[in-house]
């Protein structure tokens, strides 16, 4: 193990940007695994409540091809696939993302980027980036979520629903992965005085 540690230290010194990207990728994969474990649990917990029958449709943006209203967050009442999971599904998704992002904030700040910037300012910028990326991901999800669930549940039933959960979560994680790295490079910077 000490040999591996020395090899990594030499690599990180020679190629700091690449080392940051590798650590960022590993932590991001860990957060995706956490989400994959947490999502079914929260979905099951909220699915046992009446929130499944509570429609949650907010931020109407445009109309669909069939003339119906397109909502940025579109979770109609009823269990999947006939319904959209309602408020229960929305809460399961958002709480899963929130837990993962809070942990991700601390790990990326301290481990990946070794930031010395003001933590409160970094947290504010991170929260803003998280909200923007969540809205962007929700908008994109409007194009792929329903077809994925319809196809996978129609083909494999309950197993297809679990598979669709995983697939949509992986797509969301990939979107976050691509967008977050350059943003975190800016948010989690090293202050010049501290770096010197």
C-alpha atoms as a PDB file:
ATOM      1  CA  UNK A   1       0.000   0.000   0.000  1.00  0.00           C
ATOM      2  CA  UNK A   2       2.798   2.523   0.727  1.00  0.00           C
ATOM      3  CA  UNK A   3       4.155   1.913  -2.783  1.00  0.00           C
ATOM      4  CA  UNK A   4       0.745   2.700  -4.285  1.00  0.00           C
ATOM      5  CA  UNK A   5       0.512   5.837  -2.131  1.00  0.00           C
ATOM      6  CA  UNK A   6       3.960   7.000  -3.287  1.00  0.00           C
ATOM      7  CA  UNK A   7       3.096   6.294  -6.919  1.00  0.00           C
ATOM      8  CA  UNK A   8      -0.141   8.261  -6.616  1.00  0.00           C
ATOM      9  CA  UNK A   9       1.655  11.162  -4.883  1.00  0.00           C
ATOM     10  CA  UNK A  10       4.191  11.336  -7.723  1.00  0.00           C
ATOM     11  CA  UNK A  11       1.421  11.214 -10.322  1.00  0.00           C
ATOM     12  CA  UNK A  12      -0.624  13.908  -8.521  1.00  0.00           C
ATOM     13  CA  UNK A  13       2.433  16.164  -8.336  1.00  0.00           C
ATOM     14  CA  UNK A  14       3.332  15.650 -11.998  1.00  0.00           C
ATOM     15  CA  UNK A  15      -0.232  15.915 -13.317  1.00  0.00           C
ATOM     16  CA  UNK A  16      -2.384  17.762 -10.770  1.00  0.00           C
ATOM     17  CA  UNK A  17      -5.304  18.502 -13.126  1.00  0.00           C
ATOM     18  CA  UNK A  18      -5.515  14.880 -14.244  1.00  0.00           C
ATOM     19  CA  UNK A  19      -5.284  13.690 -10.637  1.00  0.00           C
ATOM     20  CA  UNK A  20      -8.143  16.047  -9.709  1.00  0.00           C
ATOM     21  CA  UNK A  21     -10.244  14.655 -12.531  1.00  0.00           C
ATOM     22  CA  UNK A  22      -9.538  11.052 -11.461  1.00  0.00           C
ATOM     23  CA  UNK A  23     -10.476  11.778  -7.828  1.00  0.00           C
ATOM     24  CA  UNK A  24     -13.542  13.763  -8.961  1.00  0.00           C
ATOM     25  CA  UNK A  25     -14.607  10.803 -11.115  1.00  0.00           C
ATOM     26  CA  UNK A  26     -14.148   8.274  -8.298  1.00  0.00           C
ATOM     27  CA  UNK A  27     -16.113  10.395  -5.812  1.00  0.00           C
ATOM     28  CA  UNK A  28     -18.823  11.013  -8.414  1.00  0.00           C
ATOM     29  CA  UNK A  29     -19.120   7.269  -9.050  1.00  0.00           C
ATOM     30  CA  UNK A  30     -19.363   6.710  -5.295  1.00  0.00           C
ATOM     31  CA  UNK A  31     -22.182   9.262  -5.083  1.00  0.00           C
ATOM     32  CA  UNK A  32     -23.969   7.512  -7.962  1.00  0.00           C
ATOM     33  CA  UNK A  33     -23.710   4.192  -6.104  1.00  0.00           C
ATOM     34  CA  UNK A  34     -25.070   5.915  -2.982  1.00  0.00           C
ATOM     35  CA  UNK A  35     -28.002   7.248  -5.021  1.00  0.00           C
ATOM     36  CA  UNK A  36     -28.636   3.799  -6.504  1.00  0.00           C
ATOM     37  CA  UNK A  37     -28.833   2.376  -2.982  1.00  0.00           C
ATOM     38  CA  UNK A  38     -30.827   5.226  -1.443  1.00  0.00           C
ATOM     39  CA  UNK A  39     -33.394   5.821  -4.201  1.00  0.00           C
ATOM     40  CA  UNK A  40     -35.217   2.457  -3.950  1.00  0.00           C
ATOM     41  CA  UNK A  41     -35.379   2.810  -0.167  1.00  0.00           C
ATOM     42  CA  UNK A  42     -36.860   6.319  -0.271  1.00  0.00           C
ATOM     43  CA  UNK A  43     -39.162   5.362  -3.142  1.00  0.00           C
ATOM     44  CA  UNK A  44     -40.442   2.434  -1.080  1.00  0.00           C
ATOM     45  CA  UNK A  45     -40.890   4.589   2.057  1.00  0.00           C
ATOM     46  CA  UNK A  46     -42.756   7.382   0.238  1.00  0.00           C
ATOM     47  CA  UNK A  47     -44.604   4.845  -1.908  1.00  0.00           C
ATOM     48  CA  UNK A  48     -46.341   3.559   1.225  1.00  0.00           C
ATOM     49  CA  UNK A  49     -47.920   6.978   1.825  1.00  0.00           C
ATOM     50  CA  UNK A  50     -50.798   8.794   0.208  1.00  0.00           C
ATOM     51  CA  UNK A  51     -48.297  11.083  -1.513  1.00  0.00           C
ATOM     52  CA  UNK A  52     -48.322   8.710  -4.494  1.00  0.00           C
ATOM     53  CA  UNK A  53     -51.842   9.960  -5.191  1.00  0.00           C
ATOM     54  CA  UNK A  54     -50.844  13.640  -4.921  1.00  0.00           C
ATOM     55  CA  UNK A  55     -50.052  15.168  -8.295  1.00  0.00           C
ATOM     56  CA  UNK A  56     -46.917  17.290  -8.376  1.00  0.00           C
ATOM     57  CA  UNK A  57     -46.712  19.276 -11.608  1.00  0.00           C
ATOM     58  CA  UNK A  58     -44.947  22.631 -11.448  1.00  0.00           C
ATOM     59  CA  UNK A  59     -43.274  25.108 -13.768  1.00  0.00           C
ATOM     60  CA  UNK A  60     -45.250  24.728 -16.987  1.00  0.00           C
ATOM     61  CA  UNK A  61     -42.915  25.691 -19.801  1.00  0.00           C
ATOM     62  CA  UNK A  62     -44.434  24.723 -23.141  1.00  0.00           C
ATOM     63  CA  UNK A  63     -46.779  22.195 -24.711  1.00  0.00           C
ATOM     64  CA  UNK A  64     -46.092  18.612 -25.731  1.00  0.00           C
ATOM     65  CA  UNK A  65     -46.580  17.368 -29.288  1.00  0.00           C
ATOM     66  CA  UNK A  66     -50.050  16.106 -28.333  1.00  0.00           C
ATOM     67  CA  UNK A  67     -51.060  19.574 -27.095  1.00  0.00           C
ATOM     68  CA  UNK A  68     -50.858  18.760 -23.381  1.00  0.00           C
ATOM     69  CA  UNK A  69     -48.971  21.006 -20.967  1.00  0.00           C
ATOM     70  CA  UNK A  70     -45.251  20.273 -20.455  1.00  0.00           C
ATOM     71  CA  UNK A  71     -44.159  20.723 -16.836  1.00  0.00           C
ATOM     72  CA  UNK A  72     -40.543  21.037 -15.778  1.00  0.00           C
ATOM     73  CA  UNK A  73     -41.323  18.831 -12.789  1.00  0.00           C
ATOM     74  CA  UNK A  74     -44.023  16.441 -13.979  1.00  0.00           C
ATOM     75  CA  UNK A  75     -45.105  13.786 -11.476  1.00  0.00           C
ATOM     76  CA  UNK A  76     -48.804  12.985 -12.008  1.00  0.00           C
ATOM     77  CA  UNK A  77     -50.669  11.027  -9.324  1.00  0.00           C
ATOM     78  CA  UNK A  78     -50.620   7.253  -9.405  1.00  0.00           C
ATOM     79  CA  UNK A  79     -48.030   4.540  -9.311  1.00  0.00           C
ATOM     80  CA  UNK A  80     -45.697   4.066 -12.259  1.00  0.00           C
ATOM     81  CA  UNK A  81     -46.120   3.328 -15.142  1.00  0.00           C
ATOM     82  CA  UNK A  82     -49.790   4.415 -15.347  1.00  0.00           C
ATOM     83  CA  UNK A  83     -49.087   7.497 -13.225  1.00  0.00           C
ATOM     84  CA  UNK A  84     -45.960   9.485 -12.569  1.00  0.00           C
ATOM     85  CA  UNK A  85     -45.387   8.487  -8.944  1.00  0.00           C
ATOM     86  CA  UNK A  86     -46.852  11.738  -7.646  1.00  0.00           C
ATOM     87  CA  UNK A  87     -45.310  13.792  -4.888  1.00  0.00           C
ATOM     88  CA  UNK A  88     -43.889  10.574  -3.393  1.00  0.00           C
ATOM     89  CA  UNK A  89     -41.646   9.953  -6.387  1.00  0.00           C
ATOM     90  CA  UNK A  90     -40.605  13.616  -6.604  1.00  0.00           C
ATOM     91  CA  UNK A  91     -39.568  13.625  -2.918  1.00  0.00           C
ATOM     92  CA  UNK A  92     -37.691  10.336  -3.275  1.00  0.00           C
ATOM     93  CA  UNK A  93     -35.728  11.704  -6.252  1.00  0.00           C
ATOM     94  CA  UNK A  94     -34.979  15.089  -4.698  1.00  0.00           C
ATOM     95  CA  UNK A  95     -34.009  13.761  -1.257  1.00  0.00           C
ATOM     96  CA  UNK A  96     -31.715  11.215  -2.878  1.00  0.00           C
ATOM     97  CA  UNK A  97     -30.051  13.980  -4.895  1.00  0.00           C
ATOM     98  CA  UNK A  98     -29.834  16.287  -1.882  1.00  0.00           C
ATOM     99  CA  UNK A  99     -28.127  13.701   0.349  1.00  0.00           C
ATOM    100  CA  UNK A 100     -25.656  12.820  -2.400  1.00  0.00           C
ATOM    101  CA  UNK A 101     -24.912  16.482  -3.170  1.00  0.00           C
ATOM    102  CA  UNK A 102     -24.299  17.443   0.461  1.00  0.00           C
ATOM    103  CA  UNK A 103     -21.794  14.615   0.858  1.00  0.00           C
ATOM    104  CA  UNK A 104     -20.335  15.398  -2.567  1.00  0.00           C
ATOM    105  CA  UNK A 105     -19.813  19.058  -1.590  1.00  0.00           C
ATOM    106  CA  UNK A 106     -17.603  18.206   1.368  1.00  0.00           C
ATOM    107  CA  UNK A 107     -15.664  15.434  -0.362  1.00  0.00           C
ATOM    108  CA  UNK A 108     -15.000  17.373  -3.553  1.00  0.00           C
ATOM    109  CA  UNK A 109     -14.032  20.516  -1.650  1.00  0.00           C
ATOM    110  CA  UNK A 110     -11.620  18.853   0.784  1.00  0.00           C
ATOM    111  CA  UNK A 111     -10.390  15.744  -1.038  1.00  0.00           C
ATOM    112  CA  UNK A 112     -10.482  16.521  -4.756  1.00  0.00           C
ATOM    113  CA  UNK A 113      -9.769  20.238  -4.983  1.00  0.00           C
ATOM    114  CA  UNK A 114      -8.263  20.859  -1.520  1.00  0.00           C
ATOM    115  CA  UNK A 115      -9.969  24.221  -1.604  1.00  0.00           C
ATOM    116  CA  UNK A 116      -8.925  27.027   0.711  1.00  0.00           C
ATOM    117  CA  UNK A 117     -11.668  29.401  -0.416  1.00  0.00           C
ATOM    118  CA  UNK A 118     -14.374  30.638   1.924  1.00  0.00           C
ATOM    119  CA  UNK A 119     -16.577  27.572   2.631  1.00  0.00           C
ATOM    120  CA  UNK A 120     -19.779  29.631   2.973  1.00  0.00           C
ATOM    121  CA  UNK A 121     -19.250  31.391  -0.345  1.00  0.00           C
ATOM    122  CA  UNK A 122     -18.389  28.049  -1.952  1.00  0.00           C
ATOM    123  CA  UNK A 123     -21.533  26.487  -0.448  1.00  0.00           C
ATOM    124  CA  UNK A 124     -23.684  29.324  -1.822  1.00  0.00           C
ATOM    125  CA  UNK A 125     -22.232  28.943  -5.324  1.00  0.00           C
ATOM    126  CA  UNK A 126     -22.505  25.149  -5.095  1.00  0.00           C
ATOM    127  CA  UNK A 127     -26.174  25.420  -4.063  1.00  0.00           C
ATOM    128  CA  UNK A 128     -26.868  27.763  -6.995  1.00  0.00           C
ATOM    129  CA  UNK A 129     -25.113  25.381  -9.405  1.00  0.00           C
ATOM    130  CA  UNK A 130     -27.058  22.453  -7.911  1.00  0.00           C
ATOM    131  CA  UNK A 131     -30.401  24.222  -8.448  1.00  0.00           C
ATOM    132  CA  UNK A 132     -29.549  25.192 -12.041  1.00  0.00           C
ATOM    133  CA  UNK A 133     -28.305  21.690 -12.886  1.00  0.00           C
ATOM    134  CA  UNK A 134     -31.378  20.125 -11.223  1.00  0.00           C
ATOM    135  CA  UNK A 135     -33.707  22.309 -13.307  1.00  0.00           C
ATOM    136  CA  UNK A 136     -31.726  21.528 -16.478  1.00  0.00           C
ATOM    137  CA  UNK A 137     -31.770  17.788 -15.701  1.00  0.00           C
ATOM    138  CA  UNK A 138     -35.525  17.938 -14.961  1.00  0.00           C
ATOM    139  CA  UNK A 139     -36.140  19.646 -18.287  1.00  0.00           C
ATOM    140  CA  UNK A 140     -34.091  17.009 -20.138  1.00  0.00           C
ATOM    141  CA  UNK A 141     -35.824  14.241 -18.177  1.00  0.00           C
ATOM    142  CA  UNK A 142     -39.090  15.337 -19.771  1.00  0.00           C
ATOM    143  CA  UNK A 143     -37.771  13.916 -23.050  1.00  0.00           C
ATOM    144  CA  UNK A 144     -36.458  10.544 -21.919  1.00  0.00           C
ATOM    145  CA  UNK A 145     -38.120   9.519 -18.613  1.00  0.00           C
ATOM    146  CA  UNK A 146     -41.573   8.493 -19.826  1.00  0.00           C
ATOM    147  CA  UNK A 147     -40.401   6.511 -22.887  1.00  0.00           C
ATOM    148  CA  UNK A 148     -37.815   4.658 -20.794  1.00  0.00           C
ATOM    149  CA  UNK A 149     -40.341   3.715 -18.099  1.00  0.00           C
ATOM    150  CA  UNK A 150     -43.040   2.749 -20.592  1.00  0.00           C
ATOM    151  CA  UNK A 151     -40.685   0.562 -22.596  1.00  0.00           C
ATOM    152  CA  UNK A 152     -38.882  -1.112 -19.681  1.00  0.00           C
ATOM    153  CA  UNK A 153     -41.987  -1.726 -17.538  1.00  0.00           C
ATOM    154  CA  UNK A 154     -43.937  -2.933 -20.571  1.00  0.00           C
ATOM    155  CA  UNK A 155     -41.155  -5.357 -21.363  1.00  0.00           C
ATOM    156  CA  UNK A 156     -40.046  -6.552 -17.896  1.00  0.00           C
ATOM    157  CA  UNK A 157     -42.735  -5.437 -15.395  1.00  0.00           C
ATOM    158  CA  UNK A 158     -41.467  -4.676 -11.877  1.00  0.00           C
ATOM    159  CA  UNK A 159     -37.900  -5.539 -12.847  1.00  0.00           C
ATOM    160  CA  UNK A 160     -38.219  -3.053 -15.699  1.00  0.00           C
ATOM    161  CA  UNK A 161     -39.311  -0.350 -13.251  1.00  0.00           C
ATOM    162  CA  UNK A 162     -36.181  -0.923 -11.153  1.00  0.00           C
ATOM    163  CA  UNK A 163     -34.097  -0.904 -14.316  1.00  0.00           C
ATOM    164  CA  UNK A 164     -35.733   2.337 -15.481  1.00  0.00           C
ATOM    165  CA  UNK A 165     -34.973   3.887 -12.065  1.00  0.00           C
ATOM    166  CA  UNK A 166     -31.316   2.936 -12.480  1.00  0.00           C
ATOM    167  CA  UNK A 167     -31.117   4.101 -16.087  1.00  0.00           C
ATOM    168  CA  UNK A 168     -32.702   7.502 -15.432  1.00  0.00           C
ATOM    169  CA  UNK A 169     -30.480   7.962 -12.380  1.00  0.00           C
ATOM    170  CA  UNK A 170     -27.357   7.118 -14.412  1.00  0.00           C
ATOM    171  CA  UNK A 171     -28.389   9.566 -17.162  1.00  0.00           C
ATOM    172  CA  UNK A 172     -28.944  12.255 -14.511  1.00  0.00           C
ATOM    173  CA  UNK A 173     -25.551  11.442 -12.931  1.00  0.00           C
ATOM    174  CA  UNK A 174     -23.822  11.699 -16.316  1.00  0.00           C
ATOM    175  CA  UNK A 175     -25.383  15.109 -16.938  1.00  0.00           C
ATOM    176  CA  UNK A 176     -24.227  16.276 -13.505  1.00  0.00           C
ATOM    177  CA  UNK A 177     -20.780  14.761 -14.033  1.00  0.00           C
ATOM    178  CA  UNK A 178     -20.185  16.580 -17.315  1.00  0.00           C
ATOM    179  CA  UNK A 179     -21.483  19.915 -16.028  1.00  0.00           C
ATOM    180  CA  UNK A 180     -20.150  19.894 -12.459  1.00  0.00           C
ATOM    181  CA  UNK A 181     -16.395  19.345 -12.999  1.00  0.00           C
ATOM    182  CA  UNK A 182     -15.649  22.683 -14.695  1.00  0.00           C
ATOM    183  CA  UNK A 183     -17.984  24.492 -12.300  1.00  0.00           C
ATOM    184  CA  UNK A 184     -16.327  22.945  -9.241  1.00  0.00           C
ATOM    185  CA  UNK A 185     -12.886  23.921 -10.567  1.00  0.00           C
ATOM    186  CA  UNK A 186     -14.083  27.520 -10.257  1.00  0.00           C
ATOM    187  CA  UNK A 187     -16.029  27.201  -6.990  1.00  0.00           C
ATOM    188  CA  UNK A 188     -13.402  25.161  -5.114  1.00  0.00           C
ATOM    189  CA  UNK A 189     -10.334  27.170  -5.882  1.00  0.00           C
ATOM    190  CA  UNK A 190      -7.261  27.624  -3.763  1.00  0.00           C
ATOM    191  CA  UNK A 191      -6.847  31.148  -2.467  1.00  0.00           C
ATOM    192  CA  UNK A 192      -3.571  32.656  -3.745  1.00  0.00           C
ATOM    193  CA  UNK A 193      -2.204  33.465  -0.273  1.00  0.00           C
ATOM    194  CA  UNK A 194      -2.971  29.995   1.063  1.00  0.00           C
ATOM    195  CA  UNK A 195      -1.572  28.292  -2.037  1.00  0.00           C
ATOM    196  CA  UNK A 196       1.701  30.212  -1.659  1.00  0.00           C
END
